[in-house]
Amino acid sequence: MRAAGLFLLAVHAHAAQQSRSSALDDLAQKLRTDGFVKVPRRIMKLTKPQIDQAKEAIRTWTQDAMNRYAQVVAHAVQVNNQEAMSVAFQEIAFRPGGRVDAVVPRLQTPEFNFLREGPWTEVVERLLGPDYELGYTSAIIAFPKGYLNGWNAAPAWTETIGDQSWHRDTRIAEPSMPLERQELHRQCFGLAMFIPLLDMICLGEFDDRICTGLLGVIPGSHQDTRSGGYDRPHRNITAKKGSVVIYDTRLYHRGLENNSSALRPIIQINYGKKQAVDDDLLQLKGNYGSESLYNFPTGHEEL
């Protein structure tokens, strides 16, 4: 009887493994075809403690960095230091649409390895191969309108809160490229993973509709050589906090306006084929500047 029970357990375990492998194959195929995929929460989601841990790390560091930025800009205006009036530094960058990209140091530590070692890596491997490389882990924060009222460090940036323009993170194959480079760009060579730490949802209707900043995508555009995405069918993705969304970096996408009253933080993790990472084809630092925010004076330094 004991042997029979162990045999049945082994059969069930094998069936479960086969089912899981089949589900991951399906996700990988959808990612190849559509250019994006939402990982079912039964396969992977962050736990509430993990979500709270990540939110706290992002909140504390970003708050400090933005306070530092305001001080740097205020001092730069006083001394007419144009270089320090930038909106892009090594650690933090202000983007159109009322968004901040931040390379939060704490997210890079082993404390947050659970972000980089989830089951979705098996989907990543199916598209990029076993020798794929990790780019970096960052945070994208969508600010709601009115949140930065009175914060005069970057008034031009604060006025642009709204929908982003359609864009790709990386280029597709183009005739002007060397043939070897064209071949690489015809296949998936980079993936981005989003994990919202606040529900990406819309509530209400018409003028009362409140949205926390959805992710807009144009399915199939990662294989489309046409430029611009304005007239093509698109989809706005909703996702519960802790869910995982993966997209091909060649896909046309955009962040939509956060018109709620809450900050909407997203964790972004980039993966790429080794050649793409070595040649900086993923342009991982494309939104950031070359100078550290902490290299510029605030005017409050001790003499």
C-alpha atoms as a PDB file:
ATOM      1  CA  MET A   1       0.000   0.000   0.000  1.00  0.00           C
ATOM      2  CA  ARG A   2       2.804   2.412   0.893  1.00  0.00           C
ATOM      3  CA  ALA A   3       4.547   1.733  -2.420  1.00  0.00           C
ATOM      4  CA  ALA A   4       1.293   2.328  -4.300  1.00  0.00           C
ATOM      5  CA  GLY A   5       0.820   5.643  -2.478  1.00  0.00           C
ATOM      6  CA  LEU A   6       4.320   6.788  -3.341  1.00  0.00           C
ATOM      7  CA  PHE A   7       3.738   5.801  -6.953  1.00  0.00           C
ATOM      8  CA  LEU A   8       0.553   7.872  -7.125  1.00  0.00           C
ATOM      9  CA  LEU A   9       2.347  10.865  -5.603  1.00  0.00           C
ATOM     10  CA  ALA A  10       5.077  10.538  -8.217  1.00  0.00           C
ATOM     11  CA  VAL A  11       2.490  10.349 -11.008  1.00  0.00           C
ATOM     12  CA  HIS A  12       0.706  13.463  -9.724  1.00  0.00           C
ATOM     13  CA  ALA A  13       4.006  15.336  -9.352  1.00  0.00           C
ATOM     14  CA  HIS A  14       5.021  14.412 -12.908  1.00  0.00           C
ATOM     15  CA  ALA A  15       1.627  15.502 -14.263  1.00  0.00           C
ATOM     16  CA  ALA A  16       1.869  18.814 -12.398  1.00  0.00           C
ATOM     17  CA  GLN A  17       5.361  19.411 -13.783  1.00  0.00           C
ATOM     18  CA  GLN A  18       4.184  18.611 -17.303  1.00  0.00           C
ATOM     19  CA  SER A  19       1.231  20.977 -16.914  1.00  0.00           C
ATOM     20  CA  ARG A  20       3.486  23.767 -15.627  1.00  0.00           C
ATOM     21  CA  SER A  21       5.982  23.254 -18.450  1.00  0.00           C
ATOM     22  CA  SER A  22       3.157  23.355 -20.997  1.00  0.00           C
ATOM     23  CA  ALA A  23       1.813  26.580 -19.466  1.00  0.00           C
ATOM     24  CA  LEU A  24       5.261  28.201 -19.682  1.00  0.00           C
ATOM     25  CA  ASP A  25       5.571  27.069 -23.311  1.00  0.00           C
ATOM     26  CA  ASP A  26       2.226  28.729 -24.056  1.00  0.00           C
ATOM     27  CA  LEU A  27       3.341  31.972 -22.389  1.00  0.00           C
ATOM     28  CA  ALA A  28       6.566  31.983 -24.398  1.00  0.00           C
ATOM     29  CA  GLN A  29       4.664  31.425 -27.639  1.00  0.00           C
ATOM     30  CA  LYS A  30       2.247  34.259 -26.859  1.00  0.00           C
ATOM     31  CA  LEU A  31       5.199  36.515 -26.114  1.00  0.00           C
ATOM     32  CA  ARG A  32       6.748  35.631 -29.484  1.00  0.00           C
ATOM     33  CA  THR A  33       3.488  36.297 -31.328  1.00  0.00           C
ATOM     34  CA  ASP A  34       2.014  39.321 -29.547  1.00  0.00           C
ATOM     35  CA  GLY A  35       5.198  40.827 -28.127  1.00  0.00           C
ATOM     36  CA  PHE A  36       3.855  40.847 -24.565  1.00  0.00           C
ATOM     37  CA  VAL A  37       2.300  38.528 -22.014  1.00  0.00           C
ATOM     38  CA  LYS A  38       0.725  38.691 -18.557  1.00  0.00           C
ATOM     39  CA  VAL A  39       1.995  35.863 -16.387  1.00  0.00           C
ATOM     40  CA  PRO A  40      -0.987  34.167 -14.678  1.00  0.00           C
ATOM     41  CA  ARG A  41      -0.949  34.813 -10.947  1.00  0.00           C
ATOM     42  CA  ARG A  42      -1.242  31.071 -10.274  1.00  0.00           C
ATOM     43  CA  ILE A  43       2.252  30.767 -11.820  1.00  0.00           C
ATOM     44  CA  MET A  44       3.857  33.824 -10.263  1.00  0.00           C
ATOM     45  CA  LYS A  45       2.998  36.850  -8.171  1.00  0.00           C
ATOM     46  CA  LEU A  46       4.732  38.728  -5.399  1.00  0.00           C
ATOM     47  CA  THR A  47       3.488  38.211  -1.872  1.00  0.00           C
ATOM     48  CA  LYS A  48       2.151  41.123   0.170  1.00  0.00           C
ATOM     49  CA  PRO A  49       5.321  41.266   2.347  1.00  0.00           C
ATOM     50  CA  GLN A  50       7.455  41.354  -0.807  1.00  0.00           C
ATOM     51  CA  ILE A  51       5.313  44.145  -2.296  1.00  0.00           C
ATOM     52  CA  ASP A  52       5.510  46.178   0.913  1.00  0.00           C
ATOM     53  CA  GLN A  53       9.265  45.603   1.120  1.00  0.00           C
ATOM     54  CA  ALA A  54       9.810  46.855  -2.441  1.00  0.00           C
ATOM     55  CA  LYS A  55       7.491  49.852  -2.004  1.00  0.00           C
ATOM     56  CA  GLU A  56       9.319  50.936   1.135  1.00  0.00           C
ATOM     57  CA  ALA A  57      12.730  50.668  -0.563  1.00  0.00           C
ATOM     58  CA  ILE A  58      11.554  52.709  -3.545  1.00  0.00           C
ATOM     59  CA  ARG A  59       9.724  55.322  -1.470  1.00  0.00           C
ATOM     60  CA  THR A  60      12.563  56.110   0.921  1.00  0.00           C
ATOM     61  CA  TRP A  61      15.308  56.277  -1.703  1.00  0.00           C
ATOM     62  CA  THR A  62      13.281  58.211  -4.296  1.00  0.00           C
ATOM     63  CA  GLN A  63      12.118  60.734  -1.705  1.00  0.00           C
ATOM     64  CA  ASP A  64      15.732  61.373  -0.702  1.00  0.00           C
ATOM     65  CA  ALA A  65      16.878  61.616  -4.338  1.00  0.00           C
ATOM     66  CA  MET A  66      14.104  64.052  -5.292  1.00  0.00           C
ATOM     67  CA  ASN A  67      14.845  66.229  -2.257  1.00  0.00           C
ATOM     68  CA  ARG A  68      18.498  66.208  -3.275  1.00  0.00           C
ATOM     69  CA  TYR A  69      17.527  67.080  -6.843  1.00  0.00           C
ATOM     70  CA  ALA A  70      15.450  70.063  -5.692  1.00  0.00           C
ATOM     71  CA  GLN A  71      18.373  71.361  -3.653  1.00  0.00           C
ATOM     72  CA  VAL A  72      20.831  70.850  -6.527  1.00  0.00           C
ATOM     73  CA  VAL A  73      18.587  72.732  -8.975  1.00  0.00           C
ATOM     74  CA  ALA A  74      17.917  75.574  -6.541  1.00  0.00           C
ATOM     75  CA  HIS A  75      21.655  76.014  -5.994  1.00  0.00           C
ATOM     76  CA  ALA A  76      22.373  75.695  -9.732  1.00  0.00           C
ATOM     77  CA  VAL A  77      19.952  78.548 -10.465  1.00  0.00           C
ATOM     78  CA  GLN A  78      21.729  80.733  -7.931  1.00  0.00           C
ATOM     79  CA  VAL A  79      25.188  80.113  -9.401  1.00  0.00           C
ATOM     80  CA  ASN A  80      23.994  79.671 -13.023  1.00  0.00           C
ATOM     81  CA  ASN A  81      25.301  76.113 -13.349  1.00  0.00           C
ATOM     82  CA  GLN A  82      23.467  74.896 -16.459  1.00  0.00           C
ATOM     83  CA  GLU A  83      24.893  71.369 -16.228  1.00  0.00           C
ATOM     84  CA  ALA A  84      23.276  70.834 -12.825  1.00  0.00           C
ATOM     85  CA  MET A  85      19.857  71.867 -14.183  1.00  0.00           C
ATOM     86  CA  SER A  86      19.574  68.564 -16.043  1.00  0.00           C
ATOM     87  CA  VAL A  87      16.540  66.292 -15.671  1.00  0.00           C
ATOM     88  CA  ALA A  88      18.621  63.127 -16.125  1.00  0.00           C
ATOM     89  CA  PHE A  89      21.341  61.825 -13.829  1.00  0.00           C
ATOM     90  CA  GLN A  90      22.993  58.439 -13.334  1.00  0.00           C
ATOM     91  CA  GLU A  91      20.555  57.486 -10.585  1.00  0.00           C
ATOM     92  CA  ILE A  92      17.319  59.250 -11.489  1.00  0.00           C
ATOM     93  CA  ALA A  93      15.672  60.666 -14.606  1.00  0.00           C
ATOM     94  CA  PHE A  94      12.519  62.713 -15.098  1.00  0.00           C
ATOM     95  CA  ARG A  95      10.558  61.648 -18.176  1.00  0.00           C
ATOM     96  CA  PRO A  96       7.611  63.044 -20.147  1.00  0.00           C
ATOM     97  CA  GLY A  97       4.219  62.001 -18.868  1.00  0.00           C
ATOM     98  CA  GLY A  98       5.066  62.795 -15.251  1.00  0.00           C
ATOM     99  CA  ARG A  99       7.300  59.785 -14.670  1.00  0.00           C
ATOM    100  CA  VAL A 100      10.499  59.213 -12.776  1.00  0.00           C
ATOM    101  CA  ASP A 101      12.935  56.409 -13.559  1.00  0.00           C
ATOM    102  CA  ALA A 102      15.108  55.488 -10.590  1.00  0.00           C
ATOM    103  CA  VAL A 103      17.934  52.966 -10.215  1.00  0.00           C
ATOM    104  CA  VAL A 104      17.266  52.281  -6.540  1.00  0.00           C
ATOM    105  CA  PRO A 105      20.504  50.848  -5.059  1.00  0.00           C
ATOM    106  CA  ARG A 106      18.728  48.637  -2.549  1.00  0.00           C
ATOM    107  CA  LEU A 107      16.825  46.832  -5.309  1.00  0.00           C
ATOM    108  CA  GLN A 108      20.152  45.615  -6.726  1.00  0.00           C
ATOM    109  CA  THR A 109      21.128  43.792  -3.495  1.00  0.00           C
ATOM    110  CA  PRO A 110      20.586  40.103  -2.594  1.00  0.00           C
ATOM    111  CA  GLU A 111      17.688  41.236  -0.379  1.00  0.00           C
ATOM    112  CA  PHE A 112      15.656  41.535  -3.587  1.00  0.00           C
ATOM    113  CA  ASN A 113      16.878  38.459  -5.432  1.00  0.00           C
ATOM    114  CA  PHE A 114      13.281  37.206  -5.355  1.00  0.00           C
ATOM    115  CA  LEU A 115      12.617  39.784  -8.089  1.00  0.00           C
ATOM    116  CA  ARG A 116      15.177  38.217 -10.424  1.00  0.00           C
ATOM    117  CA  GLU A 117      14.743  34.508  -9.692  1.00  0.00           C
ATOM    118  CA  GLY A 118      11.037  33.911 -10.225  1.00  0.00           C
ATOM    119  CA  PRO A 119       9.432  31.332 -12.539  1.00  0.00           C
ATOM    120  CA  TRP A 120       9.186  33.944 -15.305  1.00  0.00           C
ATOM    121  CA  THR A 121      12.916  33.444 -15.892  1.00  0.00           C
ATOM    122  CA  GLU A 122      11.988  30.153 -17.540  1.00  0.00           C
ATOM    123  CA  VAL A 123       9.914  32.150 -20.048  1.00  0.00           C
ATOM    124  CA  VAL A 124      12.835  34.532 -20.536  1.00  0.00           C
ATOM    125  CA  GLU A 125      15.146  31.581 -21.200  1.00  0.00           C
ATOM    126  CA  ARG A 126      12.770  30.161 -23.787  1.00  0.00           C
ATOM    127  CA  LEU A 127      13.109  33.368 -25.838  1.00  0.00           C
ATOM    128  CA  LEU A 128      16.639  34.573 -25.128  1.00  0.00           C
ATOM    129  CA  GLY A 129      18.416  31.249 -24.581  1.00  0.00           C
ATOM    130  CA  PRO A 130      20.183  29.924 -21.486  1.00  0.00           C
ATOM    131  CA  ASP A 131      23.052  32.471 -21.636  1.00  0.00           C
ATOM    132  CA  TYR A 132      20.820  35.549 -21.315  1.00  0.00           C
ATOM    133  CA  GLU A 133      22.061  38.341 -19.076  1.00  0.00           C
ATOM    134  CA  LEU A 134      20.356  40.501 -16.490  1.00  0.00           C
ATOM    135  CA  GLY A 135      20.394  44.227 -17.197  1.00  0.00           C
ATOM    136  CA  TYR A 136      19.387  46.100 -14.077  1.00  0.00           C
ATOM    137  CA  THR A 137      16.446  46.490 -11.754  1.00  0.00           C
ATOM    138  CA  SER A 138      14.824  49.922 -11.597  1.00  0.00           C
ATOM    139  CA  ALA A 139      11.638  51.658 -10.511  1.00  0.00           C
ATOM    140  CA  ILE A 140       9.249  53.649 -12.686  1.00  0.00           C
ATOM    141  CA  ILE A 141       7.017  55.995 -10.705  1.00  0.00           C
ATOM    142  CA  ALA A 142       3.970  57.624 -12.305  1.00  0.00           C
ATOM    143  CA  PHE A 143       2.936  60.774 -10.472  1.00  0.00           C
ATOM    144  CA  PRO A 144      -0.689  61.884 -10.282  1.00  0.00           C
ATOM    145  CA  LYS A 145      -1.670  65.396 -11.341  1.00  0.00           C
ATOM    146  CA  GLY A 146      -1.335  67.891  -8.558  1.00  0.00           C
ATOM    147  CA  TYR A 147       1.052  65.734  -6.563  1.00  0.00           C
ATOM    148  CA  LEU A 148       3.994  67.999  -7.334  1.00  0.00           C
ATOM    149  CA  ASN A 149       2.168  71.322  -6.974  1.00  0.00           C
ATOM    150  CA  GLY A 150       4.520  73.707  -5.251  1.00  0.00           C
ATOM    151  CA  TRP A 151       7.567  71.629  -6.133  1.00  0.00           C
ATOM    152  CA  ASN A 152       9.387  74.129  -8.342  1.00  0.00           C
ATOM    153  CA  ALA A 153      12.531  72.157  -9.130  1.00  0.00           C
ATOM    154  CA  ALA A 154      11.345  71.136 -12.606  1.00  0.00           C
ATOM    155  CA  PRO A 155       8.186  73.098 -13.495  1.00  0.00           C
ATOM    156  CA  ALA A 156       8.366  72.256 -17.208  1.00  0.00           C
ATOM    157  CA  TRP A 157       8.457  68.551 -16.397  1.00  0.00           C
ATOM    158  CA  THR A 158       5.572  68.698 -13.918  1.00  0.00           C
ATOM    159  CA  GLU A 159       3.311  70.241 -16.553  1.00  0.00           C
ATOM    160  CA  THR A 160       3.659  67.212 -18.847  1.00  0.00           C
ATOM    161  CA  ILE A 161       1.786  64.723 -16.657  1.00  0.00           C
ATOM    162  CA  GLY A 162      -0.386  62.601 -18.958  1.00  0.00           C
ATOM    163  CA  ASP A 163      -0.068  59.811 -21.535  1.00  0.00           C
ATOM    164  CA  GLN A 164       3.349  59.017 -22.918  1.00  0.00           C
ATOM    165  CA  SER A 165       3.977  58.871 -26.662  1.00  0.00           C
ATOM    166  CA  TRP A 166       4.184  55.466 -28.315  1.00  0.00           C
ATOM    167  CA  HIS A 167       7.774  54.266 -28.356  1.00  0.00           C
ATOM    168  CA  ARG A 168      10.010  51.217 -28.546  1.00  0.00           C
ATOM    169  CA  ASP A 169      12.780  50.571 -26.036  1.00  0.00           C
ATOM    170  CA  THR A 170      15.043  49.129 -28.756  1.00  0.00           C
ATOM    171  CA  ARG A 171      15.226  49.302 -32.544  1.00  0.00           C
ATOM    172  CA  ILE A 172      13.876  46.756 -34.997  1.00  0.00           C
ATOM    173  CA  ALA A 173      15.865  45.512 -38.017  1.00  0.00           C
ATOM    174  CA  GLU A 174      16.600  48.362 -40.437  1.00  0.00           C
ATOM    175  CA  PRO A 175      18.164  48.261 -43.941  1.00  0.00           C
ATOM    176  CA  SER A 176      20.914  50.663 -42.846  1.00  0.00           C
ATOM    177  CA  MET A 177      22.214  48.138 -40.292  1.00  0.00           C
ATOM    178  CA  PRO A 178      25.008  45.659 -41.083  1.00  0.00           C
ATOM    179  CA  LEU A 179      23.562  42.300 -42.106  1.00  0.00           C
ATOM    180  CA  GLU A 180      24.701  40.614 -38.888  1.00  0.00           C
ATOM    181  CA  ARG A 181      23.009  43.305 -36.815  1.00  0.00           C
ATOM    182  CA  GLN A 182      19.811  43.060 -38.894  1.00  0.00           C
ATOM    183  CA  GLU A 183      19.641  39.334 -38.166  1.00  0.00           C
ATOM    184  CA  LEU A 184      19.907  39.973 -34.421  1.00  0.00           C
ATOM    185  CA  HIS A 185      17.216  42.672 -34.513  1.00  0.00           C
ATOM    186  CA  ARG A 186      14.803  40.387 -36.405  1.00  0.00           C
ATOM    187  CA  GLN A 187      14.584  38.132 -33.355  1.00  0.00           C
ATOM    188  CA  CYS A 188      13.859  38.824 -29.738  1.00  0.00           C
ATOM    189  CA  PHE A 189      17.076  40.041 -28.126  1.00  0.00           C
ATOM    190  CA  GLY A 190      15.697  41.972 -25.160  1.00  0.00           C
ATOM    191  CA  LEU A 191      12.818  41.612 -22.704  1.00  0.00           C
ATOM    192  CA  ALA A 192      11.452  43.980 -20.072  1.00  0.00           C
ATOM    193  CA  MET A 193       9.490  42.789 -17.086  1.00  0.00           C
ATOM    194  CA  PHE A 194       7.036  45.020 -15.215  1.00  0.00           C
ATOM    195  CA  ILE A 195       5.774  44.337 -11.707  1.00  0.00           C
ATOM    196  CA  PRO A 196       3.251  46.965 -10.522  1.00  0.00           C
ATOM    197  CA  LEU A 197       3.280  47.603  -6.780  1.00  0.00           C
ATOM    198  CA  LEU A 198      -0.126  49.311  -6.987  1.00  0.00           C
ATOM    199  CA  ASP A 199      -3.101  47.897  -8.891  1.00  0.00           C
ATOM    200  CA  MET A 200      -3.023  49.140 -12.505  1.00  0.00           C
ATOM    201  CA  ILE A 201      -6.761  49.633 -12.908  1.00  0.00           C
ATOM    202  CA  CYS A 202      -9.493  52.003 -14.044  1.00  0.00           C
ATOM    203  CA  LEU A 203     -12.655  52.698 -12.059  1.00  0.00           C
ATOM    204  CA  GLY A 204     -15.754  54.669 -13.022  1.00  0.00           C
ATOM    205  CA  GLU A 205     -16.874  55.989 -16.403  1.00  0.00           C
ATOM    206  CA  PHE A 206     -16.483  59.043 -18.617  1.00  0.00           C
ATOM    207  CA  ASP A 207     -15.380  62.180 -16.731  1.00  0.00           C
ATOM    208  CA  ASP A 208     -15.398  60.282 -13.431  1.00  0.00           C
ATOM    209  CA  ARG A 209     -13.043  57.582 -14.700  1.00  0.00           C
ATOM    210  CA  ILE A 210     -10.028  57.166 -12.432  1.00  0.00           C
ATOM    211  CA  CYS A 211      -6.977  55.260 -13.676  1.00  0.00           C
ATOM    212  CA  THR A 212      -3.686  54.541 -11.953  1.00  0.00           C
ATOM    213  CA  GLY A 213      -1.576  54.580 -15.119  1.00  0.00           C
ATOM    214  CA  LEU A 214      -2.110  51.533 -17.339  1.00  0.00           C
ATOM    215  CA  LEU A 215       0.383  50.076 -19.797  1.00  0.00           C
ATOM    216  CA  GLY A 216      -0.613  50.579 -23.424  1.00  0.00           C
ATOM    217  CA  VAL A 217       0.739  48.113 -26.011  1.00  0.00           C
ATOM    218  CA  ILE A 218       0.336  47.537 -29.752  1.00  0.00           C
ATOM    219  CA  PRO A 219       0.209  43.739 -30.200  1.00  0.00           C
ATOM    220  CA  GLY A 220       2.530  42.435 -32.890  1.00  0.00           C
ATOM    221  CA  SER A 221       4.344  45.742 -33.401  1.00  0.00           C
ATOM    222  CA  HIS A 222       7.657  44.133 -32.396  1.00  0.00           C
ATOM    223  CA  GLN A 223       7.623  42.476 -35.824  1.00  0.00           C
ATOM    224  CA  ASP A 224       6.327  45.497 -37.755  1.00  0.00           C
ATOM    225  CA  THR A 225       8.864  47.629 -39.644  1.00  0.00           C
ATOM    226  CA  ARG A 226       6.535  50.623 -39.928  1.00  0.00           C
ATOM    227  CA  SER A 227       7.283  53.613 -37.731  1.00  0.00           C
ATOM    228  CA  GLY A 228       4.712  55.251 -35.472  1.00  0.00           C
ATOM    229  CA  GLY A 229       1.914  53.519 -33.637  1.00  0.00           C
ATOM    230  CA  TYR A 230      -0.892  56.013 -33.675  1.00  0.00           C
ATOM    231  CA  ASP A 231      -3.318  54.352 -36.076  1.00  0.00           C
ATOM    232  CA  ARG A 232      -2.929  50.734 -35.064  1.00  0.00           C
ATOM    233  CA  PRO A 233      -5.143  48.654 -32.783  1.00  0.00           C
ATOM    234  CA  HIS A 234      -3.836  48.832 -29.255  1.00  0.00           C
ATOM    235  CA  ARG A 235      -4.617  47.374 -25.872  1.00  0.00           C
ATOM    236  CA  ASN A 236      -4.445  48.877 -22.407  1.00  0.00           C
ATOM    237  CA  ILE A 237      -3.220  46.362 -19.853  1.00  0.00           C
ATOM    238  CA  THR A 238      -4.597  46.220 -16.334  1.00  0.00           C
ATOM    239  CA  ALA A 239      -2.842  44.193 -13.642  1.00  0.00           C
ATOM    240  CA  LYS A 240      -3.131  43.597  -9.935  1.00  0.00           C
ATOM    241  CA  LYS A 241      -0.213  44.626  -7.755  1.00  0.00           C
ATOM    242  CA  GLY A 242       2.474  41.965  -7.617  1.00  0.00           C
ATOM    243  CA  SER A 243       1.564  40.598 -11.065  1.00  0.00           C
ATOM    244  CA  VAL A 244       4.162  40.132 -13.793  1.00  0.00           C
ATOM    245  CA  VAL A 245       3.966  41.545 -17.333  1.00  0.00           C
ATOM    246  CA  ILE A 246       6.732  40.803 -19.862  1.00  0.00           C
ATOM    247  CA  TYR A 247       7.194  42.515 -23.214  1.00  0.00           C
ATOM    248  CA  ASP A 248       9.646  42.413 -26.109  1.00  0.00           C
ATOM    249  CA  THR A 249      11.711  45.624 -26.026  1.00  0.00           C
ATOM    250  CA  ARG A 250      10.952  46.178 -29.742  1.00  0.00           C
ATOM    251  CA  LEU A 251       7.221  46.443 -28.973  1.00  0.00           C
ATOM    252  CA  TYR A 252       5.451  49.790 -29.291  1.00  0.00           C
ATOM    253  CA  HIS A 253       4.168  50.690 -25.832  1.00  0.00           C
ATOM    254  CA  ARG A 254       3.473  53.670 -23.587  1.00  0.00           C
ATOM    255  CA  GLY A 255       2.542  54.519 -20.038  1.00  0.00           C
ATOM    256  CA  LEU A 256      -0.906  56.065 -19.645  1.00  0.00           C
ATOM    257  CA  GLU A 257      -1.844  58.903 -17.347  1.00  0.00           C
ATOM    258  CA  ASN A 258      -2.160  58.317 -13.637  1.00  0.00           C
ATOM    259  CA  ASN A 259      -5.120  60.526 -12.714  1.00  0.00           C
ATOM    260  CA  SER A 260      -5.660  58.930  -9.328  1.00  0.00           C
ATOM    261  CA  SER A 261      -4.441  60.485  -6.087  1.00  0.00           C
ATOM    262  CA  ALA A 262      -1.751  57.847  -5.503  1.00  0.00           C
ATOM    263  CA  LEU A 263       1.803  57.301  -6.700  1.00  0.00           C
ATOM    264  CA  ARG A 264       2.030  54.261  -8.954  1.00  0.00           C
ATOM    265  CA  PRO A 265       5.406  52.513  -8.643  1.00  0.00           C
ATOM    266  CA  ILE A 266       6.443  49.737 -11.027  1.00  0.00           C
ATOM    267  CA  ILE A 267       9.534  47.567 -10.805  1.00  0.00           C
ATOM    268  CA  GLN A 268      11.211  47.079 -14.176  1.00  0.00           C
ATOM    269  CA  ILE A 269      13.776  44.360 -14.835  1.00  0.00           C
ATOM    270  CA  ASN A 270      15.627  44.093 -18.149  1.00  0.00           C
ATOM    271  CA  TYR A 271      17.021  40.933 -19.725  1.00  0.00           C
ATOM    272  CA  GLY A 272      19.001  40.588 -22.924  1.00  0.00           C
ATOM    273  CA  LYS A 273      21.026  38.246 -25.077  1.00  0.00           C
ATOM    274  CA  LYS A 274      24.702  38.519 -24.214  1.00  0.00           C
ATOM    275  CA  GLN A 275      25.613  40.230 -27.489  1.00  0.00           C
ATOM    276  CA  ALA A 276      22.826  42.761 -27.015  1.00  0.00           C
ATOM    277  CA  VAL A 277      23.993  43.596 -23.492  1.00  0.00           C
ATOM    278  CA  ASP A 278      27.680  43.739 -24.496  1.00  0.00           C
ATOM    279  CA  ASP A 279      26.920  46.083 -27.426  1.00  0.00           C
ATOM    280  CA  ASP A 280      24.468  48.184 -25.346  1.00  0.00           C
ATOM    281  CA  LEU A 281      21.682  47.492 -27.845  1.00  0.00           C
ATOM    282  CA  LEU A 282      19.168  47.532 -24.996  1.00  0.00           C
ATOM    283  CA  GLN A 283      20.228  51.107 -24.215  1.00  0.00           C
ATOM    284  CA  LEU A 284      19.673  50.330 -20.555  1.00  0.00           C
ATOM    285  CA  LYS A 285      20.926  53.746 -19.524  1.00  0.00           C
ATOM    286  CA  GLY A 286      19.243  55.599 -22.370  1.00  0.00           C
ATOM    287  CA  ASN A 287      16.942  57.598 -20.084  1.00  0.00           C
ATOM    288  CA  TYR A 288      19.669  58.486 -17.620  1.00  0.00           C
ATOM    289  CA  GLY A 289      22.451  61.050 -17.581  1.00  0.00           C
ATOM    290  CA  SER A 290      26.211  60.554 -17.361  1.00  0.00           C
ATOM    291  CA  GLU A 291      26.735  62.509 -14.132  1.00  0.00           C
ATOM    292  CA  SER A 292      25.796  61.464 -10.625  1.00  0.00           C
ATOM    293  CA  LEU A 293      23.238  63.588  -8.851  1.00  0.00           C
ATOM    294  CA  TYR A 294      25.432  63.351  -5.766  1.00  0.00           C
ATOM    295  CA  ASN A 295      28.410  64.967  -7.522  1.00  0.00           C
ATOM    296  CA  PHE A 296      26.655  68.326  -7.682  1.00  0.00           C
ATOM    297  CA  PRO A 297      26.595  70.760  -4.753  1.00  0.00           C
ATOM    298  CA  THR A 298      23.406  71.721  -2.970  1.00  0.00           C
ATOM    299  CA  GLY A 299      24.776  74.832  -1.298  1.00  0.00           C
ATOM    300  CA  HIS A 300      24.263  73.202   2.087  1.00  0.00           C
ATOM    301  CA  GLU A 301      27.601  71.387   2.269  1.00  0.00           C
ATOM    302  CA  GLU A 302      29.695  71.925   5.366  1.00  0.00           C
ATOM    303  CA  LEU A 303      32.675  74.178   4.812  1.00  0.00           C
END
